[in-house]
């Protein structure tokens, strides 16, 4: 791990000022990173993948709205420093937003869930081995313009949706799939003040600039997430398919939420994980089930629509069929739920 300057912020304003050099004892140079649970950042610093010149500890902000879970008539507000385990075990979340609780519980070991924050979780970096191993020179996320070693390498875990000619790394998170399916919004604060953005607008597909992963501006910090209440939030489920049941990232996953009226879909929310470069809302699949009963034909139409634009490589072509079957199974299970 390389030397870095360390600062602790006690307010959101101090965190933003520290990240933009306004609170520092020395001129701001190089990259700045916020530290919450550290379950991604510290690992990548040890691997020499991330090399911040300054680390700003924001854990003291958990005593404010950053650390609160609030159930409101309009929906659920989750502070960015709420720990994954606290949200996963929250009684009201498990009852009213089961897909959120499930996505957090299945995301990591208990020890990591006790440490990791919700804000840090949605910003975690890819698990692509060519990104995480600095001995590989060709990684456009780590060395912009160098190429993508995964294209012709071992790409079994890589994405088939949202890929570009510059990057096929898959987004690893689970919680983000629930947020994008539920139409969540994100509150952020920065040196230009506070703003709210759709969660769907937080992450960027790789395009020709794979190293730019989000739309956050320099020094901005996530303060909270808001998830609206709707008829389909209680009839929701997160299904995760992986190589092993204990602590593993998804090969394919699905969040499905349905509002059913006399057996037919009145509204649907569908998101896919493990198969895309960013949190992926499958709007074409949603359209395929609208107004219909969840039959074999409806499930197949939704699955085919969800993966119509898939681009595969040598070792990950199986993800198309796996992703389709995962979505069809999730639709079945959600339709059969008793609420």
Protein backbone atom coordinates (compact mmCIF):
# COMPACT_ATOMS: atom_id res chain seq x y z
CA UNK A 1 0.00 0.00 0.00
CA UNK A 2 1.32 3.44 -0.92
CA UNK A 3 1.56 6.39 1.51
CA UNK A 4 -1.48 8.66 1.66
CA UNK A 5 -2.78 11.59 3.69
CA UNK A 6 -5.64 10.78 6.07
CA UNK A 7 -8.36 13.11 7.32
CA UNK A 8 -11.50 12.54 9.36
CA UNK A 9 -14.62 14.58 8.65
CA UNK A 10 -17.30 15.18 11.27
CA UNK A 11 -19.83 16.94 9.01
CA UNK A 12 -20.91 16.55 5.40
CA UNK A 13 -19.57 20.02 4.60
CA UNK A 14 -16.19 19.08 6.09
CA UNK A 15 -16.13 15.88 4.01
CA UNK A 16 -16.78 17.79 0.80
CA UNK A 17 -14.23 20.46 1.70
CA UNK A 18 -11.62 17.82 2.53
CA UNK A 19 -12.25 16.02 -0.75
CA UNK A 20 -11.86 19.23 -2.73
CA UNK A 21 -8.78 20.47 -0.86
CA UNK A 22 -10.49 23.29 1.03
CA UNK A 23 -9.98 21.72 4.45
CA UNK A 24 -6.60 20.15 3.89
CA UNK A 25 -3.36 21.16 5.57
CA UNK A 26 -1.56 20.57 2.29
CA UNK A 27 -2.47 21.42 -1.32
CA UNK A 28 -4.76 18.88 -2.95
CA UNK A 29 -2.85 16.57 -5.26
CA UNK A 30 -3.94 13.38 -6.93
CA UNK A 31 -6.98 11.24 -6.22
CA UNK A 32 -9.18 11.57 -3.13
CA UNK A 33 -11.38 8.76 -1.80
CA UNK A 34 -14.00 8.65 0.95
CA UNK A 35 -13.64 5.86 3.53
CA UNK A 36 -16.73 4.27 5.07
CA UNK A 37 -16.65 0.50 5.63
CA UNK A 38 -13.52 0.20 3.51
CA UNK A 39 -14.43 -3.29 2.31
CA UNK A 40 -13.67 -2.37 -1.32
CA UNK A 41 -11.35 0.62 -1.04
CA UNK A 42 -8.83 -0.93 1.35
CA UNK A 43 -8.64 -4.14 -0.69
CA UNK A 44 -7.94 -2.23 -3.90
CA UNK A 45 -5.36 -0.02 -2.20
CA UNK A 46 -3.53 -3.12 -0.99
CA UNK A 47 -3.59 -4.49 -4.53
CA UNK A 48 -2.20 -1.16 -5.82
CA UNK A 49 -5.24 -0.80 -8.11
CA UNK A 50 -6.47 2.37 -6.39
CA UNK A 51 -3.83 4.88 -5.34
CA UNK A 52 -5.50 7.82 -3.57
CA UNK A 53 -3.28 10.61 -2.35
CA UNK A 54 -5.84 11.47 0.35
CA UNK A 55 -8.42 9.35 2.20
CA UNK A 56 -11.28 11.10 3.99
CA UNK A 57 -12.92 9.09 6.77
CA UNK A 58 -16.66 9.87 6.89
CA UNK A 59 -17.79 7.34 9.50
CA UNK A 60 -18.57 10.07 12.05
CA UNK A 61 -21.41 11.19 9.75
CA UNK A 62 -23.32 8.02 10.66
CA UNK A 63 -24.57 9.86 13.76
CA UNK A 64 -26.61 12.12 11.44
CA UNK A 65 -29.13 11.39 8.69
CA UNK A 66 -26.34 9.45 6.93
CA UNK A 67 -26.94 6.60 9.37
CA UNK A 68 -30.74 6.54 9.57
CA UNK A 69 -33.41 4.18 8.26
CA UNK A 70 -36.72 5.98 7.93
CA UNK A 71 -40.03 4.47 6.86
CA UNK A 72 -42.25 7.28 5.60
CA UNK A 73 -45.75 7.31 4.04
CA UNK A 74 -44.15 8.13 0.68
CA UNK A 75 -41.48 5.47 0.91
CA UNK A 76 -38.21 4.32 2.46
CA UNK A 77 -35.19 6.54 3.06
CA UNK A 78 -31.84 4.85 3.69
CA UNK A 79 -28.82 6.83 4.82
CA UNK A 80 -25.66 6.19 2.83
CA UNK A 81 -23.78 5.09 5.98
CA UNK A 82 -26.38 2.57 7.08
CA UNK A 83 -24.58 -0.77 7.32
CA UNK A 84 -25.75 -3.52 5.01
CA UNK A 85 -26.60 -5.84 7.90
CA UNK A 86 -28.79 -3.24 9.62
CA UNK A 87 -30.89 -2.72 6.48
CA UNK A 88 -31.04 -6.44 5.68
CA UNK A 89 -32.33 -7.26 9.17
CA UNK A 90 -34.76 -4.34 9.47
CA UNK A 91 -38.27 -5.72 10.09
CA UNK A 92 -40.11 -3.09 8.04
CA UNK A 93 -37.76 -3.48 5.08
CA UNK A 94 -38.13 -7.25 5.08
CA UNK A 95 -41.92 -6.88 5.13
CA UNK A 96 -42.45 -3.96 2.74
CA UNK A 97 -39.38 -4.24 0.47
CA UNK A 98 -38.33 -7.91 0.61
CA UNK A 99 -36.15 -7.69 -2.52
CA UNK A 100 -34.01 -5.02 -0.83
CA UNK A 101 -33.48 -7.11 2.30
CA UNK A 102 -32.72 -10.22 0.22
CA UNK A 103 -30.26 -8.43 -2.06
CA UNK A 104 -28.30 -7.21 0.96
CA UNK A 105 -28.39 -10.50 2.85
CA UNK A 106 -27.11 -12.49 -0.14
CA UNK A 107 -24.43 -9.96 -1.09
CA UNK A 108 -21.63 -10.88 1.29
CA UNK A 109 -20.57 -12.63 4.47
CA UNK A 110 -22.01 -11.48 7.80
CA UNK A 111 -18.69 -9.89 8.75
CA UNK A 112 -18.59 -7.79 5.59
CA UNK A 113 -22.27 -6.84 5.89
CA UNK A 114 -21.55 -5.57 9.40
CA UNK A 115 -18.85 -3.25 8.02
CA UNK A 116 -19.97 -2.24 4.54
CA UNK A 117 -22.10 0.86 4.00
CA UNK A 118 -24.97 1.17 1.53
CA UNK A 119 -23.34 4.12 -0.20
CA UNK A 120 -20.06 2.30 -0.60
CA UNK A 121 -21.83 -0.84 -1.77
CA UNK A 122 -23.42 0.80 -4.82
CA UNK A 123 -20.06 2.34 -5.77
CA UNK A 124 -18.01 -0.85 -5.50
CA UNK A 125 -15.65 -1.59 -8.35
CA UNK A 126 -15.79 -4.55 -10.69
CA UNK A 127 -14.35 -7.92 -9.74
CA UNK A 128 -12.84 -8.36 -13.20
CA UNK A 129 -9.47 -10.10 -12.56
CA UNK A 130 -7.80 -8.04 -15.28
CA UNK A 131 -8.78 -4.86 -13.41
CA UNK A 132 -7.74 -6.15 -10.00
CA UNK A 133 -4.36 -7.54 -11.04
CA UNK A 134 -1.93 -4.76 -11.96
CA UNK A 135 0.34 -7.24 -13.75
CA UNK A 136 -2.14 -7.01 -16.63
CA UNK A 137 -1.39 -3.81 -18.49
CA UNK A 138 -4.45 -3.82 -20.74
CA UNK A 139 -7.39 -2.59 -18.70
CA UNK A 140 -9.26 0.50 -19.84
CA UNK A 141 -10.78 0.96 -16.38
CA UNK A 142 -7.36 1.10 -14.74
CA UNK A 143 -5.22 2.38 -17.65
CA UNK A 144 -7.48 4.32 -20.03
CA UNK A 145 -6.65 3.63 -23.65
CA UNK A 146 -4.64 0.47 -22.94
CA UNK A 147 -7.24 -2.00 -24.18
CA UNK A 148 -9.29 -4.74 -22.54
CA UNK A 149 -7.52 -8.02 -21.77
CA UNK A 150 -10.84 -9.68 -20.96
CA UNK A 151 -12.01 -9.53 -24.57
CA UNK A 152 -9.69 -12.37 -25.59
CA UNK A 153 -9.01 -13.68 -22.09
CA UNK A 154 -10.96 -15.79 -19.63
CA UNK A 155 -14.25 -13.89 -19.57
CA UNK A 156 -16.64 -16.33 -17.89
CA UNK A 157 -17.73 -13.79 -15.25
CA UNK A 158 -18.06 -10.86 -17.64
CA UNK A 159 -21.05 -8.92 -18.92
CA UNK A 160 -23.23 -9.58 -21.94
CA UNK A 161 -25.43 -6.46 -21.65
CA UNK A 162 -24.26 -2.85 -21.83
CA UNK A 163 -20.81 -3.82 -23.08
CA UNK A 164 -18.64 -1.82 -25.45
CA UNK A 165 -15.53 -2.38 -27.55
CA UNK A 166 -13.55 -0.94 -24.64
CA UNK A 167 -14.83 -2.91 -21.63
CA UNK A 168 -16.93 -5.97 -20.77
CA UNK A 169 -16.45 -5.94 -16.98
CA UNK A 170 -19.61 -6.81 -15.09
CA UNK A 171 -21.03 -4.69 -12.27
CA UNK A 172 -20.79 -6.86 -9.13
CA UNK A 173 -23.37 -5.39 -6.75
CA UNK A 174 -26.75 -6.84 -5.72
CA UNK A 175 -28.39 -4.00 -3.77
CA UNK A 176 -28.19 -1.74 -6.81
CA UNK A 177 -30.46 -4.07 -8.78
CA UNK A 178 -33.23 -3.56 -6.22
CA UNK A 179 -32.71 0.20 -6.25
CA UNK A 180 -32.90 0.50 -10.03
CA UNK A 181 -35.91 -1.81 -10.24
CA UNK A 182 -37.78 0.21 -7.62
CA UNK A 183 -37.09 3.57 -9.27
CA UNK A 184 -35.00 4.86 -6.38
CA UNK A 185 -33.44 8.29 -6.22
CA UNK A 186 -30.08 9.31 -4.77
CA UNK A 187 -29.37 12.43 -2.70
CA UNK A 188 -25.83 13.77 -3.04
CA UNK A 189 -23.99 16.78 -1.72
CA UNK A 190 -20.95 18.54 -3.16
CA UNK A 191 -19.28 21.90 -3.35
CA UNK A 192 -22.10 23.16 -5.59
CA UNK A 193 -24.69 22.13 -3.00
CA UNK A 194 -27.19 19.29 -2.77
CA UNK A 195 -28.95 17.56 -5.62
CA UNK A 196 -31.15 14.54 -6.23
CA UNK A 197 -30.67 12.22 -9.19
CA UNK A 198 -32.44 9.04 -10.34
CA UNK A 199 -30.51 5.97 -9.28
CA UNK A 200 -30.72 4.90 -12.92
CA UNK A 201 -28.60 7.95 -13.74
CA UNK A 202 -25.82 7.23 -11.24
CA UNK A 203 -23.78 4.66 -13.19
CA UNK A 204 -22.34 5.06 -16.68
CA UNK A 205 -21.98 2.31 -19.25
CA UNK A 206 -18.36 1.92 -20.35
CA UNK A 207 -18.73 3.31 -23.86
CA UNK A 208 -15.34 4.64 -24.93
CA UNK A 209 -14.43 5.83 -21.41
CA UNK A 210 -14.57 2.76 -19.18
CA UNK A 211 -12.66 4.50 -16.37
CA UNK A 212 -15.52 6.96 -15.76
CA UNK A 213 -18.01 4.79 -13.88
CA UNK A 214 -20.50 7.24 -12.35
CA UNK A 215 -22.00 10.68 -12.89
CA UNK A 216 -20.85 11.95 -9.49
CA UNK A 217 -18.87 15.17 -9.66
CA UNK A 218 -15.53 15.72 -7.94
CA UNK A 219 -15.98 15.80 -4.18
CA UNK A 220 -19.63 14.72 -4.24
CA UNK A 221 -20.80 12.29 -1.61
CA UNK A 222 -23.98 10.22 -1.46
CA UNK A 223 -26.10 11.14 1.56
CA UNK A 224 -29.13 8.85 1.16
CA UNK A 225 -31.37 6.76 -1.07
CA UNK A 226 -35.13 7.13 -1.37
CA UNK A 227 -37.27 4.21 -2.54
CA UNK A 228 -40.92 5.06 -3.23
CA UNK A 229 -43.70 2.87 -1.89
CA UNK A 230 -45.85 1.17 -4.51
CA UNK A 231 -48.25 -1.72 -4.92
CA UNK A 232 -45.43 -3.94 -6.17
CA UNK A 233 -42.77 -3.29 -3.49
CA UNK A 234 -44.16 -5.98 -1.15
CA UNK A 235 -44.59 -8.51 -3.96
CA UNK A 236 -40.90 -8.50 -4.82
CA UNK A 237 -38.02 -10.91 -4.81
CA UNK A 238 -34.27 -11.05 -5.42
CA UNK A 239 -32.99 -14.28 -6.96
CA UNK A 240 -29.24 -14.88 -7.18
CA UNK A 241 -27.52 -17.67 -9.09
CA UNK A 242 -23.85 -18.25 -8.29
CA UNK A 243 -21.19 -20.92 -8.31
CA UNK A 244 -21.56 -21.57 -4.58
CA UNK A 245 -24.11 -20.57 -1.96
CA UNK A 246 -21.67 -18.94 0.46
CA UNK A 247 -20.23 -15.49 -0.30
CA UNK A 248 -19.99 -15.42 -4.07
CA UNK A 249 -20.84 -12.87 -6.73
CA UNK A 250 -23.75 -13.46 -9.08
CA UNK A 251 -23.37 -15.19 -12.41
CA UNK A 252 -26.94 -14.06 -12.98
CA UNK A 253 -29.53 -12.45 -10.74
CA UNK A 254 -32.96 -10.90 -11.05
CA UNK A 255 -35.12 -8.52 -9.07
CA UNK A 256 -38.79 -8.88 -9.95
CA UNK A 257 -41.65 -6.87 -8.46
CA UNK A 258 -45.23 -7.25 -9.64
CA UNK A 259 -48.59 -5.62 -9.06
CA UNK A 260 -51.18 -8.26 -9.92
CA UNK A 261 -54.88 -7.69 -10.48
CA UNK A 262 -57.01 -10.81 -10.87
CA UNK A 263 -53.95 -12.79 -11.93
CA UNK A 264 -52.76 -10.30 -14.56
CA UNK A 265 -49.80 -7.92 -14.35
CA UNK A 266 -50.91 -4.35 -13.74
CA UNK A 267 -47.37 -3.09 -13.20
CA UNK A 268 -43.91 -4.68 -13.25
CA UNK A 269 -40.38 -3.81 -12.25
CA UNK A 270 -37.51 -6.03 -13.43
CA UNK A 271 -33.74 -5.67 -13.02
CA UNK A 272 -30.87 -8.01 -13.86
CA UNK A 273 -27.51 -8.51 -12.19
CA UNK A 274 -24.31 -10.41 -12.92
CA UNK A 275 -24.86 -10.01 -16.66
CA UNK A 276 -24.43 -6.27 -17.28
CA UNK A 277 -21.77 -3.57 -17.01
CA UNK A 278 -24.02 -1.43 -14.78
CA UNK A 279 -27.15 -2.00 -12.66
CA UNK A 280 -29.58 -3.06 -15.37
CA UNK A 281 -33.30 -2.38 -15.54
CA UNK A 282 -34.95 -4.64 -18.11
CA UNK A 283 -37.70 -2.36 -19.40
CA UNK A 284 -38.33 -4.54 -22.47
CA UNK A 285 -39.05 -7.48 -20.18
CA UNK A 286 -41.41 -5.33 -18.14
CA UNK A 287 -43.34 -4.42 -21.28
CA UNK A 288 -43.55 -8.08 -22.28
CA UNK A 289 -45.49 -9.02 -19.13
CA UNK A 290 -47.76 -5.98 -18.82
CA UNK A 291 -51.45 -6.86 -18.87
CA UNK A 292 -50.78 -10.59 -19.03
CA UNK A 293 -50.89 -13.56 -16.70
CA UNK A 294 -47.53 -15.08 -15.75
CA UNK A 295 -47.70 -18.07 -18.07
CA UNK A 296 -44.89 -20.05 -19.70
CA UNK A 297 -45.33 -17.99 -22.87
CA UNK A 298 -45.23 -14.70 -20.95
CA UNK A 299 -42.11 -15.70 -19.05
CA UNK A 300 -40.33 -16.74 -22.23
CA UNK A 301 -41.30 -13.52 -23.99
CA UNK A 302 -39.94 -11.48 -21.07
CA UNK A 303 -36.69 -13.45 -20.97
CA UNK A 304 -36.15 -13.17 -24.71
CA UNK A 305 -36.84 -9.43 -24.59
CA UNK A 306 -34.43 -8.93 -21.68
CA UNK A 307 -31.50 -10.47 -23.56
CA UNK A 308 -32.31 -9.38 -27.10
CA UNK A 309 -29.28 -7.07 -27.19
CA UNK A 310 -26.77 -9.42 -25.56
CA UNK A 311 -23.19 -9.54 -26.86
CA UNK A 312 -21.23 -12.60 -25.81
CA UNK A 313 -17.60 -13.71 -25.83
CA UNK A 314 -15.91 -17.08 -25.79
CA UNK A 315 -16.51 -18.11 -22.18
CA UNK A 316 -19.60 -16.13 -21.12
CA UNK A 317 -22.15 -17.07 -23.78
CA UNK A 318 -23.83 -19.38 -21.24
CA UNK A 319 -24.97 -16.29 -19.31
CA UNK A 320 -27.68 -15.55 -21.87
CA UNK A 321 -29.50 -18.81 -21.23
CA UNK A 322 -28.72 -18.71 -17.50
CA UNK A 323 -30.00 -15.14 -17.27
CA UNK A 324 -33.21 -16.04 -19.09
CA UNK A 325 -33.88 -19.00 -16.81
CA UNK A 326 -33.12 -16.90 -13.73
CA UNK A 327 -35.64 -14.27 -14.79
CA UNK A 328 -38.30 -16.87 -15.64
CA UNK A 329 -37.83 -18.57 -12.28
CA UNK A 330 -38.07 -15.23 -10.45
CA UNK A 331 -41.28 -14.34 -12.29
CA UNK A 332 -42.76 -17.68 -11.26
CA UNK A 333 -41.84 -17.22 -7.61
CA UNK A 334 -43.10 -13.65 -7.39
CA UNK A 335 -46.40 -14.48 -9.04
CA UNK A 336 -46.93 -17.25 -6.46
CA UNK A 337 -46.18 -15.06 -3.43
CA UNK A 338 -48.86 -14.57 -0.80
CA UNK A 339 -48.87 -11.02 0.58
